[in-house]
Amino acid sequence: MDDFIKERNEAFASEDENKIKAYCAKYNIKIPRNKEIFWAGVHKAILDLFLYENSSISPEQYNKSYNWLVEHGYSPKIIGGEK
């Protein structure tokens, strides 16, 4: 696994805002200024990462992210053009 993927997985699995933002800054990944949109993206990424074999995302993290998205009016789907 290359560093980019390893660091991505660690950052998102941590659910730590500063760690995620540091990862994004290191790789010049633009992040939304709106905090809710930022967290919606983080939670959608967590749902997606859970699907990978040997995922560092626990079922509890998956459920937490899924519930956060639903509670904030977002679809837990990654694709499909929904909010």
PDB file of N, CA and C in Angstrom:
ATOM      1  N   MET A   1       0.862  -1.184   0.000  1.00  0.00           N
ATOM      2  CA  MET A   1       0.000   0.000   0.000  1.00  0.00           C
ATOM      3  C   MET A   1       0.902   1.238   0.000  1.00  0.00           C
ATOM      4  N   ASP A   2       0.645   2.165  -0.921  1.00  0.00           N
ATOM      5  CA  ASP A   2       1.493   3.348  -0.963  1.00  0.00           C
ATOM      6  C   ASP A   2       1.144   4.325   0.160  1.00  0.00           C
ATOM      7  N   ASP A   3       2.042   5.279   0.382  1.00  0.00           N
ATOM      8  CA  ASP A   3       1.881   6.220   1.493  1.00  0.00           C
ATOM      9  C   ASP A   3       0.591   7.019   1.412  1.00  0.00           C
ATOM     10  N   PHE A   4       0.228   7.453   0.196  1.00  0.00           N
ATOM     11  CA  PHE A   4      -0.983   8.247   0.012  1.00  0.00           C
ATOM     12  C   PHE A   4      -2.207   7.508   0.553  1.00  0.00           C
ATOM     13  N   ILE A   5      -2.343   6.239   0.178  1.00  0.00           N
ATOM     14  CA  ILE A   5      -3.496   5.432   0.601  1.00  0.00           C
ATOM     15  C   ILE A   5      -3.423   5.148   2.093  1.00  0.00           C
ATOM     16  N   LYS A   6      -2.255   4.768   2.569  1.00  0.00           N
ATOM     17  CA  LYS A   6      -2.077   4.465   3.998  1.00  0.00           C
ATOM     18  C   LYS A   6      -2.418   5.686   4.858  1.00  0.00           C
ATOM     19  N   GLU A   7      -1.889   6.835   4.477  1.00  0.00           N
ATOM     20  CA  GLU A   7      -2.147   8.061   5.235  1.00  0.00           C
ATOM     21  C   GLU A   7      -3.613   8.476   5.147  1.00  0.00           C
ATOM     22  N   ARG A   8      -4.214   8.292   3.979  1.00  0.00           N
ATOM     23  CA  ARG A   8      -5.645   8.596   3.820  1.00  0.00           C
ATOM     24  C   ARG A   8      -6.473   7.749   4.771  1.00  0.00           C
ATOM     25  N   ASN A   9      -6.227   6.462   4.770  1.00  0.00           N
ATOM     26  CA  ASN A   9      -6.982   5.550   5.621  1.00  0.00           C
ATOM     27  C   ASN A   9      -6.812   5.901   7.094  1.00  0.00           C
ATOM     28  N   GLU A  10      -5.581   6.185   7.499  1.00  0.00           N
ATOM     29  CA  GLU A  10      -5.319   6.549   8.896  1.00  0.00           C
ATOM     30  C   GLU A  10      -6.003   7.860   9.275  1.00  0.00           C
ATOM     31  N   ALA A  11      -5.944   8.841   8.387  1.00  0.00           N
ATOM     32  CA  ALA A  11      -6.549  10.143   8.688  1.00  0.00           C
ATOM     33  C   ALA A  11      -8.057  10.026   8.864  1.00  0.00           C
ATOM     34  N   PHE A  12      -8.719   9.369   7.923  1.00  0.00           N
ATOM     35  CA  PHE A  12     -10.177   9.274   7.999  1.00  0.00           C
ATOM     36  C   PHE A  12     -10.627   8.337   9.112  1.00  0.00           C
ATOM     37  N   ALA A  13      -9.880   7.264   9.352  1.00  0.00           N
ATOM     38  CA  ALA A  13     -10.232   6.354  10.449  1.00  0.00           C
ATOM     39  C   ALA A  13     -10.091   7.046  11.800  1.00  0.00           C
ATOM     40  N   SER A  14      -9.202   8.029  11.881  1.00  0.00           N
ATOM     41  CA  SER A  14      -9.005   8.746  13.146  1.00  0.00           C
ATOM     42  C   SER A  14     -10.198   9.629  13.490  1.00  0.00           C
ATOM     43  N   GLU A  15     -10.929  10.072  12.458  1.00  0.00           N
ATOM     44  CA  GLU A  15     -12.036  11.011  12.613  1.00  0.00           C
ATOM     45  C   GLU A  15     -11.592  12.314  13.284  1.00  0.00           C
ATOM     46  N   ASP A  16     -10.300  12.594  13.215  1.00  0.00           N
ATOM     47  CA  ASP A  16      -9.715  13.787  13.828  1.00  0.00           C
ATOM     48  C   ASP A  16      -9.613  14.890  12.766  1.00  0.00           C
ATOM     49  N   GLU A  17     -10.320  15.993  13.003  1.00  0.00           N
ATOM     50  CA  GLU A  17     -10.370  17.081  12.028  1.00  0.00           C
ATOM     51  C   GLU A  17      -8.977  17.581  11.646  1.00  0.00           C
ATOM     52  N   ASN A  18      -8.121  17.800  12.632  1.00  0.00           N
ATOM     53  CA  ASN A  18      -6.784  18.320  12.346  1.00  0.00           C
ATOM     54  C   ASN A  18      -5.951  17.339  11.539  1.00  0.00           C
ATOM     55  N   LYS A  19      -6.059  16.062  11.852  1.00  0.00           N
ATOM     56  CA  LYS A  19      -5.303  15.043  11.111  1.00  0.00           C
ATOM     57  C   LYS A  19      -5.800  14.950   9.666  1.00  0.00           C
ATOM     58  N   ILE A  20      -7.106  15.013   9.475  1.00  0.00           N
ATOM     59  CA  ILE A  20      -7.676  14.965   8.124  1.00  0.00           C
ATOM     60  C   ILE A  20      -7.240  16.194   7.332  1.00  0.00           C
ATOM     61  N   LYS A  21      -7.300  17.359   7.945  1.00  0.00           N
ATOM     62  CA  LYS A  21      -6.903  18.592   7.260  1.00  0.00           C
ATOM     63  C   LYS A  21      -5.409  18.593   6.951  1.00  0.00           C
ATOM     64  N   ALA A  22      -4.588  18.055   7.845  1.00  0.00           N
ATOM     65  CA  ALA A  22      -3.143  17.969   7.589  1.00  0.00           C
ATOM     66  C   ALA A  22      -2.867  17.047   6.407  1.00  0.00           C
ATOM     67  N   TYR A  23      -3.577  15.937   6.352  1.00  0.00           N
ATOM     68  CA  TYR A  23      -3.445  15.012   5.221  1.00  0.00           C
ATOM     69  C   TYR A  23      -3.816  15.727   3.919  1.00  0.00           C
ATOM     70  N   CYS A  24      -4.932  16.432   3.927  1.00  0.00           N
ATOM     71  CA  CYS A  24      -5.386  17.147   2.731  1.00  0.00           C
ATOM     72  C   CYS A  24      -4.372  18.218   2.322  1.00  0.00           C
ATOM     73  N   ALA A  25      -3.829  18.941   3.290  1.00  0.00           N
ATOM     74  CA  ALA A  25      -2.840  19.974   2.984  1.00  0.00           C
ATOM     75  C   ALA A  25      -1.576  19.357   2.380  1.00  0.00           C
ATOM     76  N   LYS A  26      -1.142  18.241   2.930  1.00  0.00           N
ATOM     77  CA  LYS A  26       0.073  17.574   2.433  1.00  0.00           C
ATOM     78  C   LYS A  26      -0.055  17.198   0.965  1.00  0.00           C
ATOM     79  N   TYR A  27      -1.243  16.756   0.560  1.00  0.00           N
ATOM     80  CA  TYR A  27      -1.455  16.304  -0.815  1.00  0.00           C
ATOM     81  C   TYR A  27      -2.224  17.311  -1.664  1.00  0.00           C
ATOM     82  N   ASN A  28      -2.288  18.566  -1.190  1.00  0.00           N
ATOM     83  CA  ASN A  28      -2.956  19.646  -1.926  1.00  0.00           C
ATOM     84  C   ASN A  28      -4.390  19.293  -2.305  1.00  0.00           C
ATOM     85  N   ILE A  29      -5.098  18.681  -1.387  1.00  0.00           N
ATOM     86  CA  ILE A  29      -6.498  18.342  -1.598  1.00  0.00           C
ATOM     87  C   ILE A  29      -7.330  19.490  -1.046  1.00  0.00           C
ATOM     88  N   LYS A  30      -8.107  20.088  -1.906  1.00  0.00           N
ATOM     89  CA  LYS A  30      -8.937  21.226  -1.503  1.00  0.00           C
ATOM     90  C   LYS A  30     -10.077  20.731  -0.615  1.00  0.00           C
ATOM     91  N   ILE A  31     -10.310  21.428   0.484  1.00  0.00           N
ATOM     92  CA  ILE A  31     -11.400  21.059   1.382  1.00  0.00           C
ATOM     93  C   ILE A  31     -12.413  22.202   1.441  1.00  0.00           C
ATOM     94  N   PRO A  32     -13.673  21.868   1.669  1.00  0.00           N
ATOM     95  CA  PRO A  32     -14.706  22.910   1.738  1.00  0.00           C
ATOM     96  C   PRO A  32     -14.504  23.817   2.953  1.00  0.00           C
ATOM     97  N   ARG A  33     -14.844  25.067   2.799  1.00  0.00           N
ATOM     98  CA  ARG A  33     -14.781  26.005   3.925  1.00  0.00           C
ATOM     99  C   ARG A  33     -15.941  25.779   4.889  1.00  0.00           C
ATOM    100  N   ASN A  34     -17.065  25.345   4.348  1.00  0.00           N
ATOM    101  CA  ASN A  34     -18.247  25.091   5.167  1.00  0.00           C
ATOM    102  C   ASN A  34     -18.005  23.829   5.993  1.00  0.00           C
ATOM    103  N   LYS A  35     -18.063  23.981   7.305  1.00  0.00           N
ATOM    104  CA  LYS A  35     -17.741  22.870   8.205  1.00  0.00           C
ATOM    105  C   LYS A  35     -18.698  21.687   8.038  1.00  0.00           C
ATOM    106  N   GLU A  36     -19.977  21.948   7.812  1.00  0.00           N
ATOM    107  CA  GLU A  36     -20.921  20.838   7.641  1.00  0.00           C
ATOM    108  C   GLU A  36     -20.621  20.066   6.362  1.00  0.00           C
ATOM    109  N   ILE A  37     -20.298  20.780   5.293  1.00  0.00           N
ATOM    110  CA  ILE A  37     -19.955  20.114   4.036  1.00  0.00           C
ATOM    111  C   ILE A  37     -18.667  19.311   4.210  1.00  0.00           C
ATOM    112  N   PHE A  38     -17.710  19.866   4.936  1.00  0.00           N
ATOM    113  CA  PHE A  38     -16.473  19.138   5.232  1.00  0.00           C
ATOM    114  C   PHE A  38     -16.796  17.809   5.906  1.00  0.00           C
ATOM    115  N   TRP A  39     -17.613  17.862   6.969  1.00  0.00           N
ATOM    116  CA  TRP A  39     -17.925  16.633   7.708  1.00  0.00           C
ATOM    117  C   TRP A  39     -18.786  15.672   6.896  1.00  0.00           C
ATOM    118  N   ALA A  40     -19.644  16.190   6.044  1.00  0.00           N
ATOM    119  CA  ALA A  40     -20.422  15.308   5.173  1.00  0.00           C
ATOM    120  C   ALA A  40     -19.474  14.523   4.269  1.00  0.00           C
ATOM    121  N   GLY A  41     -18.476  15.197   3.728  1.00  0.00           N
ATOM    122  CA  GLY A  41     -17.486  14.530   2.885  1.00  0.00           C
ATOM    123  C   GLY A  41     -16.683  13.501   3.655  1.00  0.00           C
ATOM    124  N   VAL A  42     -16.302  13.845   4.884  1.00  0.00           N
ATOM    125  CA  VAL A  42     -15.559  12.908   5.727  1.00  0.00           C
ATOM    126  C   VAL A  42     -16.399  11.665   5.986  1.00  0.00           C
ATOM    127  N   HIS A  43     -17.652  11.858   6.349  1.00  0.00           N
ATOM    128  CA  HIS A  43     -18.510  10.709   6.657  1.00  0.00           C
ATOM    129  C   HIS A  43     -18.788   9.861   5.421  1.00  0.00           C
ATOM    130  N   LYS A  44     -18.940  10.500   4.259  1.00  0.00           N
ATOM    131  CA  LYS A  44     -19.117   9.719   3.033  1.00  0.00           C
ATOM    132  C   LYS A  44     -17.848   8.925   2.716  1.00  0.00           C
ATOM    133  N   ALA A  45     -16.691   9.531   2.943  1.00  0.00           N
ATOM    134  CA  ALA A  45     -15.425   8.816   2.716  1.00  0.00           C
ATOM    135  C   ALA A  45     -15.306   7.617   3.653  1.00  0.00           C
ATOM    136  N   ILE A  46     -15.713   7.786   4.902  1.00  0.00           N
ATOM    137  CA  ILE A  46     -15.666   6.685   5.870  1.00  0.00           C
ATOM    138  C   ILE A  46     -16.553   5.530   5.403  1.00  0.00           C
ATOM    139  N   LEU A  47     -17.745   5.853   4.906  1.00  0.00           N
ATOM    140  CA  LEU A  47     -18.625   4.798   4.391  1.00  0.00           C
ATOM    141  C   LEU A  47     -17.968   4.059   3.236  1.00  0.00           C
ATOM    142  N   ASP A  48     -17.329   4.792   2.356  1.00  0.00           N
ATOM    143  CA  ASP A  48     -16.670   4.172   1.206  1.00  0.00           C
ATOM    144  C   ASP A  48     -15.478   3.325   1.649  1.00  0.00           C
ATOM    145  N   LEU A  49     -14.667   3.838   2.555  1.00  0.00           N
ATOM    146  CA  LEU A  49     -13.488   3.100   3.013  1.00  0.00           C
ATOM    147  C   LEU A  49     -13.854   1.808   3.731  1.00  0.00           C
ATOM    148  N   PHE A  50     -15.003   1.788   4.364  1.00  0.00           N
ATOM    149  CA  PHE A  50     -15.461   0.594   5.071  1.00  0.00           C
ATOM    150  C   PHE A  50     -15.611  -0.594   4.123  1.00  0.00           C
ATOM    151  N   LEU A  51     -15.905  -0.320   2.871  1.00  0.00           N
ATOM    152  CA  LEU A  51     -16.168  -1.370   1.893  1.00  0.00           C
ATOM    153  C   LEU A  51     -14.906  -2.097   1.414  1.00  0.00           C
ATOM    154  N   TYR A  52     -13.734  -1.527   1.669  1.00  0.00           N
ATOM    155  CA  TYR A  52     -12.492  -2.136   1.220  1.00  0.00           C
ATOM    156  C   TYR A  52     -12.087  -3.299   2.115  1.00  0.00           C
ATOM    157  N   GLU A  53     -11.483  -4.297   1.492  1.00  0.00           N
ATOM    158  CA  GLU A  53     -10.974  -5.444   2.244  1.00  0.00           C
ATOM    159  C   GLU A  53      -9.910  -4.955   3.232  1.00  0.00           C
ATOM    160  N   ASN A  54      -9.912  -5.512   4.417  1.00  0.00           N
ATOM    161  CA  ASN A  54      -8.972  -5.127   5.483  1.00  0.00           C
ATOM    162  C   ASN A  54      -9.094  -3.653   5.860  1.00  0.00           C
ATOM    163  N   SER A  55     -10.298  -3.144   5.846  1.00  0.00           N
ATOM    164  CA  SER A  55     -10.550  -1.738   6.153  1.00  0.00           C
ATOM    165  C   SER A  55     -10.201  -1.423   7.605  1.00  0.00           C
ATOM    166  N   SER A  56      -9.668  -0.227   7.802  1.00  0.00           N
ATOM    167  CA  SER A  56      -9.393   0.235   9.166  1.00  0.00           C
ATOM    168  C   SER A  56     -10.625   0.894   9.786  1.00  0.00           C
ATOM    169  N   ILE A  57     -11.720   0.942   9.040  1.00  0.00           N
ATOM    170  CA  ILE A  57     -12.972   1.517   9.534  1.00  0.00           C
ATOM    171  C   ILE A  57     -13.771   0.409  10.217  1.00  0.00           C
ATOM    172  N   SER A  58     -14.140   0.657  11.459  1.00  0.00           N
ATOM    173  CA  SER A  58     -14.902  -0.341  12.217  1.00  0.00           C
ATOM    174  C   SER A  58     -16.391  -0.253  11.866  1.00  0.00           C
ATOM    175  N   PRO A  59     -17.137  -1.312  12.142  1.00  0.00           N
ATOM    176  CA  PRO A  59     -18.590  -1.233  11.939  1.00  0.00           C
ATOM    177  C   PRO A  59     -19.219  -0.101  12.751  1.00  0.00           C
ATOM    178  N   GLU A  60     -18.676   0.171  13.929  1.00  0.00           N
ATOM    179  CA  GLU A  60     -19.198   1.261  14.761  1.00  0.00           C
ATOM    180  C   GLU A  60     -18.974   2.608  14.079  1.00  0.00           C
ATOM    181  N   GLN A  61     -17.794   2.800  13.469  1.00  0.00           N
ATOM    182  CA  GLN A  61     -17.521   4.041  12.749  1.00  0.00           C
ATOM    183  C   GLN A  61     -18.441   4.163  11.533  1.00  0.00           C
ATOM    184  N   TYR A  62     -18.630   3.058  10.832  1.00  0.00           N
ATOM    185  CA  TYR A  62     -19.528   3.058   9.680  1.00  0.00           C
ATOM    186  C   TYR A  62     -20.923   3.506  10.111  1.00  0.00           C
ATOM    187  N   ASN A  63     -21.446   2.896  11.168  1.00  0.00           N
ATOM    188  CA  ASN A  63     -22.788   3.234  11.648  1.00  0.00           C
ATOM    189  C   ASN A  63     -22.873   4.687  12.104  1.00  0.00           C
ATOM    190  N   LYS A  64     -21.837   5.156  12.776  1.00  0.00           N
ATOM    191  CA  LYS A  64     -21.809   6.551  13.242  1.00  0.00           C
ATOM    192  C   LYS A  64     -21.869   7.505  12.045  1.00  0.00           C
ATOM    193  N   SER A  65     -21.079   7.227  11.023  1.00  0.00           N
ATOM    194  CA  SER A  65     -21.062   8.086   9.840  1.00  0.00           C
ATOM    195  C   SER A  65     -22.378   8.001   9.074  1.00  0.00           C
ATOM    196  N   TYR A  66     -22.895   6.804   8.941  1.00  0.00           N
ATOM    197  CA  TYR A  66     -24.177   6.611   8.257  1.00  0.00           C
ATOM    198  C   TYR A  66     -25.256   7.427   8.966  1.00  0.00           C
ATOM    199  N   ASN A  67     -25.330   7.310  10.272  1.00  0.00           N
ATOM    200  CA  ASN A  67     -26.339   8.034  11.054  1.00  0.00           C
ATOM    201  C   ASN A  67     -26.136   9.538  10.981  1.00  0.00           C
ATOM    202  N   TRP A  68     -24.884  10.000  11.022  1.00  0.00           N
ATOM    203  CA  TRP A  68     -24.607  11.434  10.932  1.00  0.00           C
ATOM    204  C   TRP A  68     -25.172  11.971   9.622  1.00  0.00           C
ATOM    205  N   LEU A  69     -24.888  11.277   8.533  1.00  0.00           N
ATOM    206  CA  LEU A  69     -25.366  11.739   7.225  1.00  0.00           C
ATOM    207  C   LEU A  69     -26.889  11.813   7.180  1.00  0.00           C
ATOM    208  N   VAL A  70     -27.550  10.770   7.629  1.00  0.00           N
ATOM    209  CA  VAL A  70     -29.015  10.741   7.614  1.00  0.00           C
ATOM    210  C   VAL A  70     -29.580  11.844   8.501  1.00  0.00           C
ATOM    211  N   GLU A  71     -29.024  11.998   9.700  1.00  0.00           N
ATOM    212  CA  GLU A  71     -29.511  13.014  10.645  1.00  0.00           C
ATOM    213  C   GLU A  71     -29.326  14.434  10.122  1.00  0.00           C
ATOM    214  N   HIS A  72     -28.351  14.647   9.244  1.00  0.00           N
ATOM    215  CA  HIS A  72     -28.091  15.974   8.696  1.00  0.00           C
ATOM    216  C   HIS A  72     -28.700  16.159   7.302  1.00  0.00           C
ATOM    217  N   GLY A  73     -29.530  15.198   6.886  1.00  0.00           N
ATOM    218  CA  GLY A  73     -30.244  15.340   5.630  1.00  0.00           C
ATOM    219  C   GLY A  73     -29.470  14.928   4.396  1.00  0.00           C
ATOM    220  N   TYR A  74     -28.384  14.197   4.565  1.00  0.00           N
ATOM    221  CA  TYR A  74     -27.579  13.740   3.432  1.00  0.00           C
ATOM    222  C   TYR A  74     -27.867  12.274   3.144  1.00  0.00           C
ATOM    223  N   SER A  75     -27.723  11.927   1.885  1.00  0.00           N
ATOM    224  CA  SER A  75     -27.838  10.524   1.504  1.00  0.00           C
ATOM    225  C   SER A  75     -26.513   9.833   1.820  1.00  0.00           C
ATOM    226  N   PRO A  76     -26.570   8.636   2.361  1.00  0.00           N
ATOM    227  CA  PRO A  76     -25.325   7.913   2.600  1.00  0.00           C
ATOM    228  C   PRO A  76     -24.715   7.336   1.321  1.00  0.00           C
ATOM    229  N   LYS A  77     -25.406   7.486   0.191  1.00  0.00           N
ATOM    230  CA  LYS A  77     -24.867   7.006  -1.076  1.00  0.00           C
ATOM    231  C   LYS A  77     -23.662   7.837  -1.484  1.00  0.00           C
ATOM    232  N   ILE A  78     -22.704   7.197  -2.127  1.00  0.00           N
ATOM    233  CA  ILE A  78     -21.525   7.900  -2.624  1.00  0.00           C
ATOM    234  C   ILE A  78     -21.802   8.459  -4.022  1.00  0.00           C
ATOM    235  N   ILE A  79     -22.584   7.735  -4.811  1.00  0.00           N
ATOM    236  CA  ILE A  79     -22.896   8.180  -6.171  1.00  0.00           C
ATOM    237  C   ILE A  79     -24.409   8.350  -6.306  1.00  0.00           C
ATOM    238  N   GLY A  80     -24.826   8.989  -7.356  1.00  0.00           N
ATOM    239  CA  GLY A  80     -26.258   9.090  -7.617  1.00  0.00           C
ATOM    240  C   GLY A  80     -26.770  10.507  -7.633  1.00  0.00           C
ATOM    241  N   GLY A  81     -25.926  11.502  -7.396  1.00  0.00           N
ATOM    242  CA  GLY A  81     -26.333  12.886  -7.507  1.00  0.00           C
ATOM    243  C   GLY A  81     -27.225  13.389  -6.384  1.00  0.00           C
ATOM    244  N   GLU A  82     -27.315  12.655  -5.301  1.00  0.00           N
ATOM    245  CA  GLU A  82     -28.126  13.117  -4.185  1.00  0.00           C
ATOM    246  C   GLU A  82     -27.278  13.925  -3.215  1.00  0.00           C
ATOM    247  N   LYS A  83     -27.926  14.758  -2.412  1.00  0.00           N
ATOM    248  CA  LYS A  83     -27.240  15.570  -1.407  1.00  0.00           C
ATOM    249  C   LYS A  83     -26.508  14.683  -0.451  1.00  0.00           C
TER     250      LYS A  83
END
